[in-house]
Amino acid sequence: MGIIDTLCGWFNSAVDFIMANGVSIAFVVLAAIAVLAAILVVTSEETMHSAFYLALVFFCVGVTYFFLAAPFVGVVQIMVYVGAITMLFAFGLMLTRRGMSDGGESR
């Protein structure tokens, strides 16, 4: 029973730590996702994947504004950058990629 009591005590202390520092843990996880997505923007071979990774970075930055008690800026960040700018990049890539993939021949 000593091992079970030790595991239960460790689990209870871990839950208490998460409950006390939930915002900090969420911020660290969100920042890690944003940094990973930013690295994938630069290193991805597919340009469309890079555009969607960029949307993920913009979304993480928008949620970070909510952590900083600036919800209006967060909503504007998500609406303008994730909604408009990323979709502009995506449609620009979709409309211009066909000519490049055909080997330079026009339709």
C-alpha atoms as a PDB file:
ATOM      1  CA  MET A   1       0.000   0.000   0.000  1.00  0.00           C
ATOM      2  CA  GLY A   2       2.982   2.307   0.351  1.00  0.00           C
ATOM      3  CA  ILE A   3       3.468   2.634  -3.409  1.00  0.00           C
ATOM      4  CA  ILE A   4      -0.201   3.389  -4.036  1.00  0.00           C
ATOM      5  CA  ASP A   5      -0.245   6.018  -1.292  1.00  0.00           C
ATOM      6  CA  THR A   6       2.901   7.596  -2.732  1.00  0.00           C
ATOM      7  CA  LEU A   7       1.418   7.676  -6.242  1.00  0.00           C
ATOM      8  CA  CYS A   8      -1.855   9.149  -4.967  1.00  0.00           C
ATOM      9  CA  GLY A   9       0.050  11.810  -3.038  1.00  0.00           C
ATOM     10  CA  TRP A  10       2.136  12.661  -6.110  1.00  0.00           C
ATOM     11  CA  PHE A  11      -0.996  12.824  -8.268  1.00  0.00           C
ATOM     12  CA  ASN A  12      -2.773  15.100  -5.787  1.00  0.00           C
ATOM     13  CA  SER A  13       0.207  17.453  -5.606  1.00  0.00           C
ATOM     14  CA  ALA A  14       0.426  17.534  -9.419  1.00  0.00           C
ATOM     15  CA  VAL A  15      -3.272  18.394  -9.677  1.00  0.00           C
ATOM     16  CA  ASP A  16      -2.876  21.122  -7.048  1.00  0.00           C
ATOM     17  CA  PHE A  17       0.080  22.583  -8.977  1.00  0.00           C
ATOM     18  CA  ILE A  18      -1.862  22.607 -12.243  1.00  0.00           C
ATOM     19  CA  MET A  19      -4.901  24.203 -10.617  1.00  0.00           C
ATOM     20  CA  ALA A  20      -2.780  26.925  -9.000  1.00  0.00           C
ATOM     21  CA  ASN A  21      -0.703  27.683 -12.117  1.00  0.00           C
ATOM     22  CA  GLY A  22      -3.152  26.904 -14.911  1.00  0.00           C
ATOM     23  CA  VAL A  23      -2.746  30.188 -16.770  1.00  0.00           C
ATOM     24  CA  SER A  24       1.038  29.968 -16.692  1.00  0.00           C
ATOM     25  CA  ILE A  25       0.992  26.395 -17.952  1.00  0.00           C
ATOM     26  CA  ALA A  26      -1.459  27.308 -20.722  1.00  0.00           C
ATOM     27  CA  PHE A  27       0.746  30.237 -21.753  1.00  0.00           C
ATOM     28  CA  VAL A  28       3.863  28.046 -21.919  1.00  0.00           C
ATOM     29  CA  VAL A  29       2.038  25.425 -23.992  1.00  0.00           C
ATOM     30  CA  LEU A  30       0.657  28.118 -26.312  1.00  0.00           C
ATOM     31  CA  ALA A  31       4.075  29.732 -26.693  1.00  0.00           C
ATOM     32  CA  ALA A  32       5.645  26.360 -27.501  1.00  0.00           C
ATOM     33  CA  ILE A  33       3.005  25.731 -30.166  1.00  0.00           C
ATOM     34  CA  ALA A  34       3.610  29.203 -31.636  1.00  0.00           C
ATOM     35  CA  VAL A  35       7.386  28.726 -31.772  1.00  0.00           C
ATOM     36  CA  LEU A  36       7.039  25.268 -33.316  1.00  0.00           C
ATOM     37  CA  ALA A  37       4.594  26.577 -35.922  1.00  0.00           C
ATOM     38  CA  ALA A  38       6.908  29.509 -36.709  1.00  0.00           C
ATOM     39  CA  ILE A  39       9.767  27.084 -37.310  1.00  0.00           C
ATOM     40  CA  LEU A  40       7.504  25.013 -39.559  1.00  0.00           C
ATOM     41  CA  VAL A  41       6.558  28.147 -41.539  1.00  0.00           C
ATOM     42  CA  VAL A  42      10.185  28.611 -42.500  1.00  0.00           C
ATOM     43  CA  THR A  43      11.163  24.966 -42.997  1.00  0.00           C
ATOM     44  CA  SER A  44       8.067  23.528 -44.705  1.00  0.00           C
ATOM     45  CA  GLU A  45       8.512  22.400 -48.309  1.00  0.00           C
ATOM     46  CA  GLU A  46       4.887  23.067 -49.266  1.00  0.00           C
ATOM     47  CA  THR A  47       3.950  26.733 -49.486  1.00  0.00           C
ATOM     48  CA  MET A  48       0.307  26.032 -48.656  1.00  0.00           C
ATOM     49  CA  HIS A  49       1.357  24.255 -45.464  1.00  0.00           C
ATOM     50  CA  SER A  50       3.496  27.267 -44.599  1.00  0.00           C
ATOM     51  CA  ALA A  51       0.470  29.538 -45.003  1.00  0.00           C
ATOM     52  CA  PHE A  52      -1.578  27.425 -42.616  1.00  0.00           C
ATOM     53  CA  TYR A  53       1.277  27.220 -40.103  1.00  0.00           C
ATOM     54  CA  LEU A  54       1.395  31.009 -40.306  1.00  0.00           C
ATOM     55  CA  ALA A  55      -2.324  31.077 -39.486  1.00  0.00           C
ATOM     56  CA  LEU A  56      -1.572  28.964 -36.415  1.00  0.00           C
ATOM     57  CA  VAL A  57       1.121  31.433 -35.339  1.00  0.00           C
ATOM     58  CA  PHE A  58      -1.295  34.346 -35.778  1.00  0.00           C
ATOM     59  CA  PHE A  59      -3.945  32.497 -33.766  1.00  0.00           C
ATOM     60  CA  CYS A  60      -1.506  31.782 -30.932  1.00  0.00           C
ATOM     61  CA  VAL A  61      -0.508  35.445 -30.834  1.00  0.00           C
ATOM     62  CA  GLY A  62      -4.188  36.423 -30.703  1.00  0.00           C
ATOM     63  CA  VAL A  63      -4.853  34.086 -27.781  1.00  0.00           C
ATOM     64  CA  THR A  64      -1.761  35.481 -26.046  1.00  0.00           C
ATOM     65  CA  TYR A  65      -3.417  38.898 -26.113  1.00  0.00           C
ATOM     66  CA  PHE A  66      -6.294  37.381 -24.147  1.00  0.00           C
ATOM     67  CA  PHE A  67      -3.787  36.255 -21.502  1.00  0.00           C
ATOM     68  CA  LEU A  68      -2.521  39.842 -21.360  1.00  0.00           C
ATOM     69  CA  ALA A  69      -6.060  41.140 -20.632  1.00  0.00           C
ATOM     70  CA  ALA A  70      -6.466  42.763 -24.049  1.00  0.00           C
ATOM     71  CA  PRO A  71      -9.449  40.915 -25.521  1.00  0.00           C
ATOM     72  CA  PHE A  72     -10.238  43.527 -28.183  1.00  0.00           C
ATOM     73  CA  VAL A  73      -6.722  43.333 -29.605  1.00  0.00           C
ATOM     74  CA  GLY A  74      -6.930  39.538 -29.481  1.00  0.00           C
ATOM     75  CA  VAL A  75     -10.207  39.463 -31.400  1.00  0.00           C
ATOM     76  CA  VAL A  76      -8.879  41.921 -33.988  1.00  0.00           C
ATOM     77  CA  GLN A  77      -5.669  39.878 -34.337  1.00  0.00           C
ATOM     78  CA  ILE A  78      -7.631  36.689 -34.935  1.00  0.00           C
ATOM     79  CA  MET A  79     -10.166  38.273 -37.291  1.00  0.00           C
ATOM     80  CA  VAL A  80      -7.740  40.311 -39.383  1.00  0.00           C
ATOM     81  CA  TYR A  81      -4.652  38.137 -39.506  1.00  0.00           C
ATOM     82  CA  VAL A  82      -6.100  34.626 -39.281  1.00  0.00           C
ATOM     83  CA  GLY A  83      -9.249  35.433 -41.188  1.00  0.00           C
ATOM     84  CA  ALA A  84      -8.145  37.903 -43.825  1.00  0.00           C
ATOM     85  CA  ILE A  85      -4.381  37.899 -44.320  1.00  0.00           C
ATOM     86  CA  THR A  86      -3.921  34.130 -44.176  1.00  0.00           C
ATOM     87  CA  MET A  87      -6.829  33.538 -46.535  1.00  0.00           C
ATOM     88  CA  LEU A  88      -5.341  36.147 -48.881  1.00  0.00           C
ATOM     89  CA  PHE A  89      -2.052  34.209 -48.856  1.00  0.00           C
ATOM     90  CA  ALA A  90      -3.875  30.907 -49.373  1.00  0.00           C
ATOM     91  CA  PHE A  91      -5.933  32.149 -52.324  1.00  0.00           C
ATOM     92  CA  GLY A  92      -2.893  33.858 -53.815  1.00  0.00           C
ATOM     93  CA  LEU A  93      -0.990  30.585 -53.654  1.00  0.00           C
ATOM     94  CA  MET A  94      -3.871  28.598 -55.093  1.00  0.00           C
ATOM     95  CA  LEU A  95      -4.317  30.985 -58.010  1.00  0.00           C
ATOM     96  CA  THR A  96      -0.639  31.281 -58.929  1.00  0.00           C
ATOM     97  CA  ARG A  97       0.645  27.781 -58.251  1.00  0.00           C
ATOM     98  CA  ARG A  98      -0.909  26.101 -61.301  1.00  0.00           C
ATOM     99  CA  GLY A  99       1.312  27.921 -63.817  1.00  0.00           C
ATOM    100  CA  MET A 100       4.474  26.998 -61.927  1.00  0.00           C
ATOM    101  CA  SER A 101       3.664  23.299 -61.575  1.00  0.00           C
ATOM    102  CA  ASP A 102       2.973  22.792 -65.320  1.00  0.00           C
ATOM    103  CA  GLY A 103       6.622  23.214 -66.191  1.00  0.00           C
ATOM    104  CA  GLY A 104       6.279  26.726 -67.555  1.00  0.00           C
ATOM    105  CA  GLU A 105       3.702  25.932 -70.253  1.00  0.00           C
ATOM    106  CA  SER A 106       0.689  28.190 -70.508  1.00  0.00           C
ATOM    107  CA  ARG A 107      -2.821  26.760 -70.744  1.00  0.00           C
END
